[in-house]
Amino acid sequence: MAYPDFRPAQPEAIRRLNQKYSHRDSQNRSCASRKEYLLKLKDDLLELLAAFSEKTTVHGMGRLFNRNANKYERLFWLLTLSLAVFGTTYVCIFLSDRFNAGNLQSIVDDTGAPVYKIPFPTITICNVNRLNWQRIDEAKERFLPGVTDNETLNLFELVIGRYDRIEFAYFDLFAPLENQTLQLVANVNFSLVYEFMAWNCDELLEDCVWRHREMNCCDIFLKRRSKSGICWSFNSLETEEGRERQKNDAKYPWRTGSAGPQSALTVKVLINRENHYSSEVEKGILVMVSEPKVWHREPFFIPENTDTTVGIDPTIYFYDENTRSLTSAQRQCVFHDEHHLHDFKVLEGFDYMIENCHAECHRGYLEKYCNCTMDILFPPGQYKPCRVTDLVCLARNNDYFRYTHQEGADEYVRQTHTGMKCKCFNNCYSLQYMTYVRPTFLPPDVRGNKSYVDLDIHFRSETMMVYCTNLVFSWIDLMDKPMR
């Protein structure tokens, strides 16, 4: 009798052999199934690419995946497309490098901008001899009350006499005080003495005319400090009084649209040589022409007894907003609202301008070497003013203050003197006034026994140049170029 479910006992070797062939059959079936799947996937992908290539606008795709194309055609178009992709990638990388390089170009933005669009410059006038020595006796009575000791009185005269031609980086004027007993006048605030003896407006200026209209000089000139000492300034915003005037007068600082001699400011500056402390120096005045809100620019000297015309050519330089994507070091300028981000110095309460940056840097060097600030040369601030006992220190270190080295100049210029290093870039909007000074000496029969300077300061043209600096390759170009 046979049993259908009966299986005879198998030796171990036969059992393993059966398992081996059973597993191989399973693998063969799996491989066949995988091959079928891959072939089907390939056909589906080719069908999808063929359908895509019939509708796409990418050049060459239709020919590469054309159902009727042979292998040689497809190879040709594959190479062509590969070269196109490589070329496009290369160009994109090239354009990206040009963009990241941040190359700049300056172009003429306007050749005929009217000058009435900008303020007339700030005109600051100083007598070369800063003090009215006629007030020396009154100064002694005010600042040394009850003192009759000749040694103290003579020392007081010697010290304040050193202030007569004070200017930043000319502190060697105080060198004669080295061996003096300065403790005798240590309690005297010579900054106040200097302010008391400085020229008053009516002692220095007269016959003022602004745009053909006679005006009181003391109404339009404001007393201000500068790195050349205490002077008188027209169209000024550097003092509290000037800023207050701007609040009350919407058109201050004043402007003019006219050009040519006597079209703007004329003024007579009195020299008063009979009231000078010293007759050793050449007599005359210092004139500083600057943009409003600039603390100091180097003044030029005008000799006495001259009729002097000062012609001004203004020029605007500005960086467009796209350059903000660069660092200040890349564009070498600072926008007014970003100087604090890069640790640029600026005088307290002043807008960022390269001149104000230099002024604050110079003030910092005074503190570094002498632990004080010559307050009559800088705007009021929270710093320790120099006393009479500090003047010798200023004289000893004057060589440090006399020389300023630009950031990065050491690579190109051999420096022969140790000086100040100031990290200051140009302001990204700058108004420059180029001056042309022409003094003509007045004959004695014209000026009589008086000594003065007739000043005529005006624009030379009713229009000006405007220059714009922008990126050679901006992000808009980065988007636009690959699409062309």
Protein backbone atom coordinates (compact mmCIF):
# COMPACT_ATOMS: atom_id res chain seq x y z
CA MET A 1 0.00 0.00 0.00
CA ALA A 2 1.43 3.37 -0.99
CA TYR A 3 1.08 6.52 1.14
CA PRO A 4 1.10 9.74 -0.90
CA ASP A 5 2.54 11.87 1.90
CA PHE A 6 5.26 9.44 2.75
CA ARG A 7 8.85 10.67 2.47
CA PRO A 8 11.66 8.29 3.05
CA ALA A 9 14.36 9.40 5.43
CA GLN A 10 17.17 11.21 3.59
CA PRO A 11 20.80 11.26 4.48
CA GLU A 12 22.26 14.65 5.46
CA ALA A 13 24.23 15.04 2.19
CA ILE A 14 21.14 14.52 0.03
CA ARG A 15 19.21 17.04 2.16
CA ARG A 16 21.84 19.73 1.73
CA LEU A 17 22.03 19.08 -2.01
CA ASN A 18 18.29 19.58 -2.32
CA GLN A 19 18.50 22.83 -0.33
CA LYS A 20 21.31 24.10 -2.59
CA TYR A 21 19.43 23.52 -5.83
CA SER A 22 16.22 24.81 -4.33
CA HIS A 23 18.00 28.10 -3.31
CA ARG A 24 19.65 28.45 -6.76
CA ASP A 25 16.30 28.12 -8.49
CA SER A 26 14.98 30.88 -6.26
CA GLN A 27 17.98 33.11 -7.11
CA ASN A 28 17.56 32.47 -10.81
CA ARG A 29 13.94 33.43 -10.63
CA SER A 30 14.87 36.58 -8.65
CA CYS A 31 17.59 37.60 -11.14
CA ALA A 32 15.26 37.08 -14.06
CA SER A 33 12.63 39.19 -12.33
CA ARG A 34 15.19 41.97 -11.59
CA LYS A 35 16.39 42.01 -15.17
CA GLU A 36 12.84 42.29 -16.38
CA TYR A 37 12.24 45.14 -13.95
CA LEU A 38 15.36 47.03 -15.02
CA LEU A 39 14.55 46.57 -18.68
CA LYS A 40 11.04 47.83 -18.07
CA LEU A 41 12.41 50.81 -16.05
CA LYS A 42 14.86 51.60 -18.83
CA ASP A 43 12.11 51.51 -21.43
CA ASP A 44 9.91 53.73 -19.25
CA LEU A 45 12.73 56.26 -18.74
CA LEU A 46 13.54 56.32 -22.42
CA GLU A 47 9.90 56.81 -23.20
CA LEU A 48 9.69 59.62 -20.63
CA LEU A 49 12.83 61.31 -21.98
CA ALA A 50 11.58 60.90 -25.54
CA ALA A 51 8.27 62.51 -24.60
CA PHE A 52 10.11 65.28 -22.70
CA SER A 53 12.52 65.91 -25.58
CA GLU A 54 9.63 66.39 -27.99
CA LYS A 55 8.32 69.34 -25.93
CA THR A 56 11.44 70.82 -24.30
CA THR A 57 13.14 73.97 -25.63
CA VAL A 58 16.60 72.75 -24.58
CA HIS A 59 18.57 72.59 -27.82
CA GLY A 60 19.71 69.09 -28.81
CA MET A 61 17.54 67.16 -26.33
CA GLY A 62 15.03 66.23 -29.04
CA ARG A 63 17.73 64.77 -31.26
CA LEU A 64 19.49 62.95 -28.43
CA PHE A 65 16.37 61.04 -27.35
CA ASN A 66 14.67 60.78 -30.73
CA ARG A 67 13.14 57.28 -31.02
CA ASN A 68 14.43 56.96 -34.57
CA ALA A 69 17.98 58.15 -33.84
CA ASN A 70 20.80 55.65 -34.19
CA LYS A 71 23.63 55.30 -31.71
CA TYR A 72 26.00 57.52 -33.72
CA GLU A 73 23.55 60.39 -33.80
CA ARG A 74 22.95 60.05 -30.11
CA LEU A 75 26.69 59.97 -29.39
CA PHE A 76 27.20 63.17 -31.40
CA TRP A 77 24.41 65.01 -29.63
CA LEU A 78 25.54 63.70 -26.23
CA LEU A 79 28.99 65.20 -26.82
CA THR A 80 27.45 68.43 -28.07
CA LEU A 81 25.19 68.77 -25.03
CA SER A 82 28.03 67.92 -22.65
CA LEU A 83 30.21 70.63 -24.14
CA ALA A 84 27.32 73.09 -23.88
CA VAL A 85 26.76 72.25 -20.20
CA PHE A 86 30.48 72.53 -19.49
CA GLY A 87 30.69 75.89 -21.27
CA THR A 88 27.67 77.25 -19.44
CA THR A 89 29.08 76.14 -16.09
CA TYR A 90 32.43 77.73 -16.88
CA VAL A 91 30.82 81.04 -17.87
CA CYS A 92 28.68 81.06 -14.70
CA ILE A 93 31.75 80.48 -12.52
CA PHE A 94 33.63 83.19 -14.43
CA LEU A 95 30.79 85.69 -13.96
CA SER A 96 30.51 84.78 -10.29
CA ASP A 97 34.24 85.47 -9.81
CA ARG A 98 33.87 88.85 -11.52
CA PHE A 99 30.95 89.69 -9.25
CA ASN A 100 32.78 88.61 -6.09
CA ALA A 101 35.89 90.58 -7.10
CA GLY A 102 33.88 93.80 -6.61
CA ASN A 103 35.67 95.79 -9.31
CA LEU A 104 34.62 99.44 -9.37
CA GLN A 105 34.41 102.06 -12.07
CA SER A 106 33.97 105.81 -11.85
CA ILE A 107 31.86 107.46 -14.51
CA VAL A 108 30.71 110.99 -15.22
CA ASP A 109 27.17 111.15 -13.86
CA ASP A 110 26.48 114.78 -14.77
CA THR A 111 28.52 117.44 -16.54
CA GLY A 112 26.20 120.35 -15.86
CA ALA A 113 24.68 120.03 -12.39
CA PRO A 114 23.73 123.52 -11.11
CA VAL A 115 25.75 124.75 -8.14
CA TYR A 116 22.63 125.89 -6.28
CA LYS A 117 22.02 122.22 -5.47
CA ILE A 118 24.93 122.27 -3.01
CA PRO A 119 25.68 124.60 -0.10
CA PHE A 120 28.23 127.32 -0.50
CA PRO A 121 31.36 126.14 1.34
CA THR A 122 32.16 126.96 4.91
CA ILE A 123 34.71 129.79 4.89
CA THR A 124 36.87 129.96 8.02
CA ILE A 125 39.21 132.92 8.53
CA CYS A 126 42.03 133.19 11.07
CA ASN A 127 44.57 135.91 11.66
CA VAL A 128 48.07 134.39 11.52
CA ASN A 129 48.61 136.10 14.86
CA ARG A 130 45.70 134.63 16.80
CA LEU A 131 45.76 137.00 19.80
CA ASN A 132 44.92 140.64 20.30
CA TRP A 133 47.86 141.59 22.48
CA GLN A 134 46.15 144.85 23.38
CA ARG A 135 44.23 142.84 26.02
CA ILE A 136 47.27 141.36 27.80
CA ASP A 137 47.06 143.69 30.82
CA GLU A 138 43.35 143.05 31.22
CA ALA A 139 44.05 139.30 30.97
CA LYS A 140 46.60 139.52 33.78
CA GLU A 141 44.10 141.29 36.02
CA ARG A 142 41.37 138.77 35.22
CA PHE A 143 43.35 135.52 35.50
CA LEU A 144 46.01 136.56 38.01
CA PRO A 145 44.03 138.80 40.35
CA GLY A 146 46.17 140.45 43.03
CA VAL A 147 49.43 138.98 41.71
CA THR A 148 52.24 141.52 41.58
CA ASP A 149 55.22 139.17 41.37
CA ASN A 150 57.13 140.05 38.19
CA GLU A 151 58.40 136.49 37.68
CA THR A 152 54.85 135.15 37.64
CA LEU A 153 53.55 137.97 35.42
CA ASN A 154 56.42 137.55 32.95
CA LEU A 155 55.89 133.80 32.86
CA PHE A 156 52.18 134.36 32.20
CA GLU A 157 53.11 136.55 29.22
CA LEU A 158 55.62 134.01 27.95
CA VAL A 159 53.11 131.14 28.08
CA ILE A 160 50.18 132.94 26.47
CA GLY A 161 52.58 134.39 23.87
CA ARG A 162 53.30 130.79 22.75
CA TYR A 163 49.59 130.49 21.94
CA ASP A 164 49.75 133.37 19.46
CA ARG A 165 50.47 131.06 16.49
CA ILE A 166 49.09 127.83 17.87
CA GLU A 167 48.21 125.11 15.38
CA PHE A 168 48.04 121.34 15.58
CA ALA A 169 51.43 119.67 15.02
CA TYR A 170 53.28 122.93 15.74
CA PHE A 171 53.60 122.37 19.46
CA ASP A 172 57.35 122.97 19.27
CA LEU A 173 56.31 126.56 19.98
CA PHE A 174 56.10 125.46 23.61
CA ALA A 175 59.71 124.21 23.71
CA PRO A 176 61.00 127.43 25.42
CA LEU A 177 58.84 126.52 28.43
CA GLU A 178 60.97 123.44 29.15
CA ASN A 179 63.13 125.07 31.84
CA GLN A 180 60.51 127.44 33.22
CA THR A 181 58.92 127.19 36.66
CA LEU A 182 55.45 126.44 35.34
CA GLN A 183 54.09 125.73 38.80
CA LEU A 184 53.85 129.49 39.27
CA VAL A 185 50.96 129.60 36.77
CA ALA A 186 49.73 126.01 37.16
CA ASN A 187 46.31 127.20 38.36
CA VAL A 188 45.69 129.34 35.28
CA ASN A 189 43.47 127.88 32.57
CA PHE A 190 45.29 129.19 29.51
CA SER A 191 42.54 127.92 27.18
CA LEU A 192 40.25 130.50 28.77
CA VAL A 193 42.99 133.13 28.53
CA TYR A 194 43.37 132.32 24.84
CA GLU A 195 39.62 132.61 24.22
CA PHE A 196 39.60 135.94 26.04
CA MET A 197 42.46 137.37 23.98
CA ALA A 198 41.35 135.95 20.60
CA TRP A 199 40.13 138.44 18.03
CA ASN A 200 36.53 139.55 18.29
CA CYS A 201 34.45 139.67 15.13
CA ASP A 202 34.43 143.47 14.84
CA GLU A 203 38.23 143.54 15.36
CA LEU A 204 38.85 141.16 12.46
CA LEU A 205 36.05 141.51 9.87
CA GLU A 206 34.23 144.34 8.16
CA ASP A 207 32.49 145.30 4.89
CA CYS A 208 30.77 141.96 4.42
CA VAL A 209 28.63 141.42 1.32
CA TRP A 210 26.70 138.25 0.52
CA ARG A 211 25.17 137.99 -2.96
CA HIS A 212 25.31 141.78 -3.54
CA ARG A 213 23.68 142.49 -0.19
CA GLU A 214 25.58 144.29 2.55
CA MET A 215 25.42 142.43 5.84
CA ASN A 216 26.73 142.76 9.35
CA CYS A 217 29.81 140.52 9.51
CA CYS A 218 29.05 139.50 13.08
CA ASP A 219 25.61 138.28 11.97
CA ILE A 220 26.93 135.90 9.34
CA PHE A 221 30.28 134.83 10.83
CA LEU A 222 30.37 132.51 13.85
CA LYS A 223 33.22 132.04 16.29
CA ARG A 224 34.52 128.48 16.25
CA ARG A 225 37.43 126.30 17.21
CA SER A 226 39.56 124.52 14.65
CA LYS A 227 42.94 122.78 14.46
CA SER A 228 44.28 126.26 13.63
CA GLY A 229 42.91 127.70 16.86
CA ILE A 230 39.91 129.98 17.34
CA CYS A 231 38.72 131.55 14.09
CA TRP A 232 35.61 133.04 12.49
CA SER A 233 33.49 130.99 10.12
CA PHE A 234 30.84 131.74 7.47
CA ASN A 235 28.10 129.19 6.61
CA SER A 236 29.24 126.99 9.47
CA LEU A 237 27.52 123.95 10.99
CA GLU A 238 30.40 122.95 13.26
CA THR A 239 29.14 124.87 16.30
CA GLU A 240 25.99 124.62 18.35
CA GLU A 241 25.03 128.11 17.22
CA GLY A 242 25.36 127.07 13.57
CA ARG A 243 23.20 123.97 14.07
CA GLU A 244 20.62 126.09 15.83
CA ARG A 245 20.62 128.51 12.93
CA GLN A 246 19.95 125.62 10.56
CA LYS A 247 16.87 124.65 12.59
CA ASN A 248 15.48 128.19 12.30
CA ASP A 249 16.43 128.76 8.65
CA ALA A 250 15.42 126.02 6.21
CA LYS A 251 17.89 127.33 3.62
CA TYR A 252 20.91 127.38 5.90
CA PRO A 253 23.71 126.71 5.09
CA TRP A 254 23.17 129.26 2.36
CA ARG A 255 23.54 128.65 -1.37
CA THR A 256 24.05 130.61 -4.53
CA GLY A 257 23.39 129.84 -8.16
CA SER A 258 25.61 132.63 -9.49
CA ALA A 259 29.25 132.57 -10.45
CA GLY A 260 32.02 135.04 -11.07
CA PRO A 261 33.70 137.85 -9.09
CA GLN A 262 31.61 139.48 -6.34
CA SER A 263 28.73 137.06 -6.93
CA ALA A 264 28.94 135.42 -3.50
CA LEU A 265 30.98 136.51 -0.45
CA THR A 266 33.26 139.52 -0.14
CA VAL A 267 34.83 140.62 3.15
CA LYS A 268 37.67 142.80 4.39
CA VAL A 269 39.92 141.10 6.96
CA LEU A 270 41.81 143.47 9.24
CA ILE A 271 45.37 142.53 10.20
CA ASN A 272 45.91 145.00 13.09
CA ARG A 273 49.66 144.43 13.17
CA GLU A 274 50.09 147.07 15.90
CA ASN A 275 48.23 144.74 18.29
CA HIS A 276 50.33 141.62 17.59
CA TYR A 277 52.50 139.82 20.11
CA SER A 278 55.32 139.19 17.69
CA SER A 279 56.54 140.80 14.48
CA GLU A 280 58.74 137.83 13.55
CA VAL A 281 56.25 136.00 11.33
CA GLU A 282 54.91 137.06 7.94
CA LYS A 283 51.63 138.85 8.42
CA GLY A 284 48.46 137.72 6.79
CA ILE A 285 45.51 135.38 7.25
CA LEU A 286 44.68 131.69 7.01
CA VAL A 287 41.58 130.71 5.01
CA MET A 288 39.95 127.31 5.16
CA VAL A 289 37.41 126.28 2.50
CA SER A 290 35.51 123.15 3.48
CA GLU A 291 32.27 121.27 3.18
CA PRO A 292 29.79 122.09 5.96
CA LYS A 293 30.11 119.70 8.93
CA VAL A 294 33.83 119.20 8.27
CA TRP A 295 35.85 120.05 11.37
CA HIS A 296 39.10 120.93 9.65
CA ARG A 297 40.85 121.08 6.29
CA GLU A 298 44.32 122.43 5.75
CA PRO A 299 44.04 126.23 5.30
CA PHE A 300 45.98 128.30 2.80
CA PHE A 301 47.92 131.45 3.60
CA ILE A 302 47.11 134.86 2.11
CA PRO A 303 49.62 137.67 2.71
CA GLU A 304 48.53 141.03 4.09
CA ASN A 305 47.80 144.07 1.94
CA THR A 306 46.36 142.09 -0.95
CA ASP A 307 43.17 142.06 -2.97
CA THR A 308 42.64 138.32 -3.22
CA THR A 309 40.12 136.39 -5.29
CA VAL A 310 39.35 132.80 -4.36
CA GLY A 311 37.65 130.95 -7.20
CA ILE A 312 35.98 127.66 -6.28
CA ASP A 313 35.18 124.69 -8.51
CA PRO A 314 32.91 122.26 -6.62
CA THR A 315 32.77 118.57 -7.56
CA ILE A 316 30.57 115.80 -6.18
CA TYR A 317 31.83 112.24 -5.81
CA PHE A 318 29.46 109.52 -4.69
CA TYR A 319 29.15 105.73 -4.60
CA ASP A 320 25.83 104.23 -5.63
CA GLU A 321 23.80 102.00 -3.32
CA ASN A 322 24.85 98.78 -5.06
CA THR A 323 28.36 99.20 -3.68
CA ARG A 324 27.01 98.60 -0.19
CA SER A 325 27.34 94.87 -0.98
CA LEU A 326 31.12 95.37 -0.71
CA THR A 327 33.03 95.91 2.49
CA SER A 328 34.33 99.40 3.21
CA ALA A 329 37.88 98.07 2.67
CA GLN A 330 36.96 96.87 -0.83
CA ARG A 331 35.43 100.15 -1.95
CA GLN A 332 37.76 102.31 0.20
CA CYS A 333 34.94 104.49 1.45
CA VAL A 334 32.43 104.61 4.30
CA PHE A 335 28.75 105.46 4.11
CA HIS A 336 27.58 107.92 6.76
CA ASP A 337 25.48 105.29 8.55
CA GLU A 338 28.02 102.46 8.73
CA HIS A 339 31.21 103.84 10.28
CA HIS A 340 30.32 102.33 13.67
CA LEU A 341 30.15 98.86 12.14
CA HIS A 342 33.82 98.89 11.20
CA ASP A 343 35.30 100.77 14.16
CA PHE A 344 36.07 103.96 12.26
CA LYS A 345 36.78 106.93 14.47
CA VAL A 346 34.81 110.15 14.20
CA LEU A 347 34.52 113.27 16.34
CA GLU A 348 31.75 113.01 18.89
CA GLY A 349 28.51 114.47 17.53
CA PHE A 350 29.80 114.73 13.95
CA ASP A 351 28.87 112.85 10.78
CA TYR A 352 31.44 110.51 9.33
CA MET A 353 33.79 112.33 6.97
CA ILE A 354 37.41 111.52 6.38
CA GLU A 355 38.46 114.90 7.82
CA ASN A 356 36.48 114.26 11.02
CA CYS A 357 37.98 110.78 11.24
CA HIS A 358 41.50 112.21 10.99
CA ALA A 359 40.69 114.88 13.57
CA GLU A 360 39.50 112.27 16.10
CA CYS A 361 42.53 110.12 15.34
CA HIS A 362 44.86 113.05 15.95
CA ARG A 363 43.08 113.89 19.19
CA GLY A 364 43.56 110.28 20.27
CA TYR A 365 47.32 110.55 19.71
CA LEU A 366 47.43 113.60 21.99
CA GLU A 367 45.87 111.49 24.71
CA LYS A 368 48.20 108.58 23.95
CA TYR A 369 51.43 110.57 24.34
CA CYS A 370 50.44 113.34 26.76
CA ASN A 371 47.23 112.08 28.39
CA CYS A 372 45.33 115.24 27.48
CA THR A 373 43.64 117.07 24.60
CA MET A 374 44.40 120.59 23.43
CA ASP A 375 40.76 121.61 23.84
CA ILE A 376 40.94 124.87 21.86
CA LEU A 377 41.76 122.82 18.73
CA PHE A 378 38.84 120.39 18.99
CA PRO A 379 35.10 120.54 19.62
CA PRO A 380 33.90 120.31 23.23
CA GLY A 381 33.84 116.76 24.53
CA GLN A 382 34.37 114.41 27.44
CA TYR A 383 38.15 114.51 27.58
CA LYS A 384 40.88 115.88 29.82
CA PRO A 385 42.08 119.29 28.58
CA CYS A 386 45.80 120.05 28.53
CA ARG A 387 47.04 122.23 31.36
CA VAL A 388 50.09 124.45 31.29
CA THR A 389 52.23 121.66 32.76
CA ASP A 390 51.32 119.44 29.77
CA LEU A 391 52.61 121.89 27.16
CA VAL A 392 56.20 120.67 27.49
CA CYS A 393 55.04 117.12 26.76
CA LEU A 394 53.34 118.34 23.58
CA ALA A 395 56.58 120.01 22.49
CA ARG A 396 58.68 116.90 23.19
CA ASN A 397 56.37 114.67 21.15
CA ASN A 398 55.67 117.11 18.35
CA ASP A 399 57.43 114.93 15.75
CA TYR A 400 54.81 112.22 16.34
CA PHE A 401 52.01 114.73 15.70
CA ARG A 402 53.61 116.31 12.63
CA TYR A 403 53.52 113.24 10.40
CA THR A 404 50.50 111.17 9.40
CA HIS A 405 50.95 107.83 7.63
CA GLN A 406 48.16 106.39 5.54
CA GLU A 407 46.92 102.89 6.23
CA GLY A 408 48.75 100.45 3.94
CA ALA A 409 51.30 103.00 2.70
CA ASP A 410 54.21 101.17 4.39
CA GLU A 411 54.29 98.65 1.53
CA TYR A 412 55.11 101.39 -0.98
CA VAL A 413 56.63 104.32 0.91
CA ARG A 414 59.80 104.32 2.97
CA GLN A 415 58.85 106.05 6.21
CA THR A 416 61.65 108.20 7.64
CA HIS A 417 59.69 109.51 10.62
CA THR A 418 57.53 107.89 13.24
CA GLY A 419 54.10 109.42 13.04
CA MET A 420 50.38 108.88 13.45
CA LYS A 421 48.56 106.08 11.67
CA CYS A 422 44.88 106.70 11.14
CA LYS A 423 42.47 104.13 9.74
CA CYS A 424 40.28 106.48 7.75
CA PHE A 425 38.58 105.94 4.40
CA ASN A 426 36.89 108.54 2.25
CA ASN A 427 33.21 109.18 2.82
CA CYS A 428 31.09 107.60 0.09
CA TYR A 429 29.44 110.96 -0.60
CA SER A 430 32.00 113.70 -0.85
CA LEU A 431 31.72 117.33 -1.87
CA GLN A 432 35.12 118.71 -2.86
CA TYR A 433 35.87 122.41 -3.35
CA MET A 434 38.90 123.04 -5.54
CA THR A 435 40.25 126.52 -4.82
CA TYR A 436 42.18 128.89 -7.06
CA VAL A 437 43.79 131.73 -5.09
CA ARG A 438 45.00 134.88 -6.83
CA PRO A 439 46.39 137.61 -4.52
CA THR A 440 47.20 141.04 -5.94
CA PHE A 441 49.22 143.35 -3.74
CA LEU A 442 47.64 146.71 -2.97
CA PRO A 443 49.80 149.81 -3.51
CA PRO A 444 50.37 152.04 -0.47
CA ASP A 445 48.34 154.89 -1.95
CA VAL A 446 45.28 152.59 -2.04
CA ARG A 447 45.49 151.08 1.43
CA GLY A 448 46.96 154.10 3.23
CA ASN A 449 48.39 153.26 6.63
CA LYS A 450 46.05 150.31 7.16
CA SER A 451 46.93 146.64 6.82
CA TYR A 452 44.22 144.30 5.58
CA VAL A 453 43.16 141.67 3.03
CA ASP A 454 40.23 142.13 0.65
CA LEU A 455 38.66 138.73 -0.01
CA ASP A 456 36.34 137.86 -2.88
CA ILE A 457 35.20 134.22 -2.66
CA HIS A 458 32.94 132.86 -5.39
CA PHE A 459 32.13 129.92 -7.65
CA ARG A 460 33.94 130.03 -10.98
CA SER A 461 31.06 128.41 -12.87
CA GLU A 462 27.32 128.02 -12.45
CA THR A 463 27.58 124.28 -13.09
CA MET A 464 29.69 121.46 -11.71
CA MET A 465 30.79 117.91 -12.45
CA VAL A 466 29.28 114.90 -10.67
CA TYR A 467 31.12 111.57 -10.62
CA CYS A 468 29.52 108.26 -9.68
CA THR A 469 31.38 105.11 -8.66
CA ASN A 470 29.55 101.83 -9.16
CA LEU A 471 30.19 98.14 -9.55
CA VAL A 472 31.55 97.01 -12.91
CA PHE A 473 29.53 93.84 -12.42
CA SER A 474 26.51 93.98 -10.12
CA TRP A 475 24.09 91.25 -9.07
CA ILE A 476 21.70 92.42 -11.81
CA ASP A 477 24.41 91.75 -14.38
CA LEU A 478 25.00 88.36 -12.77
CA MET A 479 21.37 87.48 -13.49
CA ASP A 480 21.25 89.11 -16.89
CA LYS A 481 24.42 87.86 -18.59
CA PRO A 482 23.68 84.12 -18.55
CA MET A 483 20.26 84.80 -20.06
CA ARG A 484 21.73 86.52 -23.13
